[in-house]
């Protein structure tokens, strides 16, 4: 995803120093990785989701300082009723602080605040989201109910994983009310990146689809001309969206990141940097399930180079029974169908985890496929095979060649090994670069009273500074 990753690898640091040569990343490639672009294509392989378009007014509200929540009443029904001050409901948090990673938005010369006004008029009273955006608030509430009462939010590319410390459901992205979602969105640096920096360091979209090739040679030839082009503003037809996915607790051991180069699956890496002894025996199943999903993407995703994330859950009871019967009654761990979680750009901003970008960029593909997806759908199989003969007498020889080609295209799978330093978590904690000062964290751990006390203290400090 275009959002920032928790920790930069050595390859990413090398990229910043200009040691790696990436093909130019086009704005169109970033848009193709937006959830609302690819989800309709691969809906049957994804987690149940709802996509809600966001208005410019709501985006401006996300940029504003402070967190003012909706009046949800005592039952989280989002019915707009006011809170009772005596209620012990976590949804009535109203901390008036800004996250340390969010600089205040640029001042508009036309804006007039209470400190700038000559006549001393008080600033207008801020309204909660259910009053300010009633239609959007109602749509979010309805979507939560339709997805089973609990969702995990994200914007076009990024999830607010760095803000789970403030959630009512600690250390998860579980949201059971619209207020839960507002808190995560307003507190996340990843969301801020989606809003303001998704198109940083991109080149203009090609003039035609046929120019949007993923041929590394062509891209590298154009790299010198385009590598200084950069734009953080979205395309005129671009829309920010809120994605709500049905919430579930995935097993971190079964989450994987997969790398596609020239429409070939070249690498698979474990995402969670902990050692799981059972994963080694599942390596063939991991490859099989990932390749099954990849076949749906190979000739339908527009770009030939991209990165996608999958979750491969354990098979259901029926599938386990069938597998045990085929194995002569010996029951073993069986993985079910892979689920597509995300599609990320082929760019330095995407974390390669157990690989280095230098390895992936230099890796040779036995049978590369170039061109836009629409050009390849009808003839992709023919181009891929490039059969040298159609003589029936050579069938056996062709089968042997195809088997060898399949071996050449087998992706490399990397898992955390028992003696791997990554398995001992010597590194800094996840998303540590995006966390907040200790005072803020301590206040959140103290519960509702701590948040309110911190907010009041921060407000007094802010008022003194303004005076």
Foldseek 3Di string as FASTA:
>chain_A
DLFFFQDADPQLVVVVVVNDDDQFAALVLLVLQFCVNCCVLPVVQAFDKDKAFDDPVVLVVLLAFWFQAAACEDPLQSPRDHYDPPDPDQLRFTFRGAFPLRDHDDDDPPDDAQLRDPVNDHDDDDDHCCVVPVVRQVVVLVRCVVLPQWWAKDKRADGLQLQQLLAPPHNDRIDRHVSNVSSSSSQGPRNVCVSFPSFFQHFYDDPDLFVQKQPPVVSSVCCVVTRPDTDRDHDPPDTMIMMIGRDDDADLQQKKKWWFALLFTAAIERDQLADDPVVVVCVVVSLVLVVVVSVSVSLPSFYRTWMWMKGWAWDDPVVQVVVCVVVVNDGDTHTDHIHTYGIGGLDSSDHPVPDRNVCVVPDDQPQGHMGTSVVQPVPVVVSRLVDPDDDPVCVVVSVVVVVVNVVRRRYYYDYNDPPHPSNVVPDDDGSPVSDGDPQCSVLSVVGSVSSVVVSVVVVVVVVVVSD
